[in-house]
Amino acid sequence: MTKSELRKTYKAKRKALSLDACDDLSIAISNQLLKLPIWDKSFYHIFLTIEEQQEVNTEFILNILSGKDKNIVISKSDFNTGLMHHVLLTDATTIKKNSYNIPEPIDGIPIPNSSIEVVFIPLLAFDKKGNRIGYGKGFYDRFLEACNPETIKIGLSFFESEDEISDVYDTDIPLDYCVTPNRIYTF
């Protein structure tokens, strides 16, 4: 299937989930993450959940990262440039939703892409080769392209993989892992 077809299908699948189901599945994903060999790193980039899109609830992962005393990095999207600007999440960080309901930091300590070692990536769907489909704006592809090649890229999905995304572009950055409530995919 094409990205467009899959985007439509998976938006509908997520919309059909109740908030309780989203939380239960998100907890299962968080527990699966504990099995990955990633916990020796220091800087972890994570997205803040867009509740209106019924995304994976990253609050549970934030609790794990905080409990392991990791540096947590969050982003603000610049829709004029298509780039993301990263800051360290601290107790002093003020979060506000933008016009797309994306929770973002108002200010904070800037963190360069080169410092980020692990990235948890939102997605709508992914395939067995590690290709992913987001919302189609390319923010994460541009961000991941600017990271170190060793940066670990982990997709988070409520659903299992598709066999193949038929219209993958050269600029698409594949995942290293994708974690679902029932399985860890390694690419």
Protein backbone atom coordinates (compact mmCIF):
# COMPACT_ATOMS: atom_id res chain seq x y z
CA MET A 1 0.00 0.00 0.00
CA THR A 2 1.04 3.62 -0.49
CA LYS A 3 1.84 6.07 2.30
CA SER A 4 -1.37 7.96 1.59
CA GLU A 5 -3.52 4.81 1.82
CA LEU A 6 -1.77 3.63 4.97
CA ARG A 7 -1.97 7.06 6.59
CA LYS A 8 -5.74 7.09 6.11
CA THR A 9 -6.15 3.48 7.33
CA TYR A 10 -4.06 3.92 10.48
CA LYS A 11 -5.57 7.26 11.45
CA ALA A 12 -8.95 5.50 11.40
CA LYS A 13 -7.59 2.53 13.41
CA ARG A 14 -6.20 4.86 16.07
CA LYS A 15 -9.39 6.91 16.18
CA ALA A 16 -11.31 3.70 16.96
CA LEU A 17 -9.24 3.16 20.15
CA SER A 18 -10.63 4.38 23.47
CA LEU A 19 -8.40 6.47 25.73
CA ASP A 20 -8.22 3.55 28.17
CA ALA A 21 -7.11 1.23 25.36
CA CYS A 22 -4.46 3.78 24.29
CA ASP A 23 -3.12 3.88 27.86
CA ASP A 24 -3.10 0.07 28.22
CA LEU A 25 -1.29 -0.36 24.90
CA SER A 26 1.13 2.46 25.80
CA ILE A 27 2.03 0.75 29.09
CA ALA A 28 2.68 -2.50 27.19
CA ILE A 29 4.97 -0.62 24.75
CA SER A 30 6.83 0.98 27.67
CA ASN A 31 7.39 -2.43 29.25
CA GLN A 32 8.69 -3.81 25.92
CA LEU A 33 11.17 -0.92 25.70
CA LEU A 34 12.83 -2.13 28.90
CA LYS A 35 14.02 -5.21 26.94
CA LEU A 36 16.04 -3.14 24.43
CA PRO A 37 19.83 -2.71 24.78
CA ILE A 38 19.59 1.09 24.93
CA TRP A 39 19.75 1.94 28.60
CA ASP A 40 23.48 2.73 28.76
CA LYS A 41 22.96 6.00 26.83
CA SER A 42 22.57 9.49 28.32
CA PHE A 43 20.46 11.65 25.95
CA TYR A 44 17.00 10.39 24.91
CA HIS A 45 14.74 12.37 22.58
CA ILE A 46 11.03 11.75 23.01
CA PHE A 47 7.88 13.23 21.53
CA LEU A 48 5.14 14.55 23.75
CA THR A 49 1.82 12.87 23.00
CA ILE A 50 -0.80 14.59 20.85
CA GLU A 51 -3.83 13.27 22.73
CA GLU A 52 -6.23 14.41 20.01
CA GLN A 53 -4.43 12.09 17.54
CA GLN A 54 -4.55 9.15 19.99
CA GLU A 55 -0.79 8.74 19.80
CA VAL A 56 1.20 6.42 22.04
CA ASN A 57 1.12 7.97 25.52
CA THR A 58 4.77 8.74 26.23
CA GLU A 59 4.12 9.69 29.86
CA PHE A 60 5.01 6.12 30.86
CA ILE A 61 8.33 6.27 28.95
CA LEU A 62 9.06 9.67 30.48
CA ASN A 63 8.64 8.08 33.92
CA ILE A 64 11.10 5.31 33.00
CA LEU A 65 13.65 7.81 31.67
CA SER A 66 13.29 9.99 34.72
CA GLY A 67 13.58 6.99 37.04
CA LYS A 68 16.79 5.98 35.27
CA ASP A 69 18.09 9.57 35.64
CA LYS A 70 18.47 10.08 31.88
CA ASN A 71 18.65 13.41 30.05
CA ILE A 72 15.29 13.86 28.34
CA VAL A 73 15.17 15.96 25.18
CA ILE A 74 11.95 17.33 23.65
CA SER A 75 11.36 19.45 20.55
CA LYS A 76 9.60 22.44 19.16
CA SER A 77 8.63 22.31 15.46
CA ASP A 78 9.25 25.29 13.21
CA PHE A 79 6.63 25.04 10.48
CA ASN A 80 8.34 27.79 8.44
CA THR A 81 11.65 25.93 8.11
CA GLY A 82 10.43 22.35 8.63
CA LEU A 83 13.04 21.88 11.37
CA MET A 84 12.81 20.81 14.99
CA HIS A 85 14.64 22.63 17.79
CA HIS A 86 15.53 20.51 20.82
CA VAL A 87 15.69 21.41 24.50
CA LEU A 88 16.43 19.58 27.71
CA LEU A 89 13.27 18.76 29.66
CA THR A 90 13.66 20.02 33.22
CA ASP A 91 11.30 20.90 36.07
CA ALA A 92 11.49 24.51 34.84
CA THR A 93 10.46 23.71 31.24
CA THR A 94 7.12 25.27 30.31
CA ILE A 95 5.02 23.20 27.88
CA LYS A 96 2.26 24.66 25.73
CA LYS A 97 0.22 23.19 22.86
CA ASN A 98 0.78 24.79 19.46
CA SER A 99 -1.97 25.38 16.87
CA TYR A 100 -1.73 21.68 15.82
CA ASN A 101 -2.23 20.55 19.46
CA ILE A 102 1.42 19.45 19.67
CA PRO A 103 2.72 19.95 23.23
CA GLU A 104 5.99 21.90 22.89
CA PRO A 105 8.50 23.63 25.15
CA ILE A 106 8.23 27.41 25.29
CA ASP A 107 11.92 27.75 26.15
CA GLY A 108 14.74 25.70 27.59
CA ILE A 109 18.36 24.65 27.40
CA PRO A 110 19.21 23.95 23.72
CA ILE A 111 20.53 20.46 22.90
CA PRO A 112 22.34 19.86 19.58
CA ASN A 113 21.38 16.91 17.35
CA SER A 114 24.90 15.53 17.86
CA SER A 115 24.21 14.93 21.59
CA ILE A 116 21.07 12.84 21.04
CA GLU A 117 21.75 9.10 21.31
CA VAL A 118 18.26 7.56 21.23
CA VAL A 119 15.14 8.88 19.49
CA PHE A 120 11.62 7.60 20.18
CA ILE A 121 9.63 8.31 17.02
CA PRO A 122 5.88 8.74 16.56
CA LEU A 123 4.38 7.04 13.53
CA LEU A 124 1.14 5.92 11.96
CA ALA A 125 2.43 2.72 10.32
CA PHE A 126 5.66 0.91 9.49
CA ASP A 127 6.79 -2.02 7.36
CA LYS A 128 8.99 -5.08 7.81
CA LYS A 129 12.03 -3.18 6.46
CA GLY A 130 11.82 -0.45 9.10
CA ASN A 131 10.25 2.19 6.87
CA ARG A 132 7.75 4.37 8.71
CA ILE A 133 4.88 6.68 7.89
CA GLY A 134 4.32 9.82 9.93
CA TYR A 135 1.99 12.71 9.26
CA GLY A 136 3.79 13.59 6.02
CA LYS A 137 5.58 16.84 6.89
CA GLY A 138 9.08 15.32 7.00
CA PHE A 139 10.10 16.79 10.37
CA TYR A 140 11.54 13.53 11.71
CA ASP A 141 13.35 12.64 8.47
CA ARG A 142 15.12 16.03 8.49
CA PHE A 143 15.88 15.68 12.22
CA LEU A 144 17.22 12.12 11.92
CA GLU A 145 19.34 13.05 8.90
CA ALA A 146 21.08 15.64 11.09
CA CYS A 147 21.76 13.17 13.93
CA ASN A 148 24.85 11.00 14.30
CA PRO A 149 24.70 7.78 12.23
CA GLU A 150 24.93 5.83 15.54
CA THR A 151 21.77 7.45 16.93
CA ILE A 152 19.28 4.68 17.73
CA LYS A 153 15.90 5.23 16.06
CA ILE A 154 12.91 3.56 17.75
CA GLY A 155 9.39 3.75 16.38
CA LEU A 156 6.42 3.31 18.72
CA SER A 157 3.26 1.73 17.32
CA PHE A 158 -0.02 0.36 18.66
CA PHE A 159 -0.20 -1.91 15.60
CA GLU A 160 1.97 -4.58 13.98
CA SER A 161 3.94 -4.04 10.77
CA GLU A 162 2.69 -3.86 7.22
CA ASP A 163 4.50 -6.09 4.70
CA GLU A 164 5.69 -3.19 2.58
CA ILE A 165 5.23 0.53 2.07
CA SER A 166 5.25 0.84 -1.72
CA ASP A 167 6.35 4.47 -2.11
CA VAL A 168 9.43 4.88 0.09
CA TYR A 169 11.69 7.82 -0.81
CA ASP A 170 15.49 8.03 -0.70
CA THR A 171 15.17 10.74 1.95
CA ASP A 172 13.14 8.49 4.29
CA ILE A 173 15.21 7.41 7.29
CA PRO A 174 14.45 3.82 8.38
CA LEU A 175 14.05 2.73 11.99
CA ASP A 176 16.47 0.54 13.96
CA TYR A 177 13.60 -0.84 16.06
CA CYS A 178 9.85 -0.57 16.24
CA VAL A 179 8.12 -1.46 19.47
CA THR A 180 4.49 -2.56 19.64
CA PRO A 181 2.54 -3.80 22.66
CA ASN A 182 3.32 -7.42 21.72
CA ARG A 183 6.60 -7.37 19.84
CA ILE A 184 9.94 -5.71 19.22
CA TYR A 185 10.90 -5.46 15.54
CA THR A 186 14.63 -5.18 14.79
CA PHE A 187 15.79 -3.84 11.41
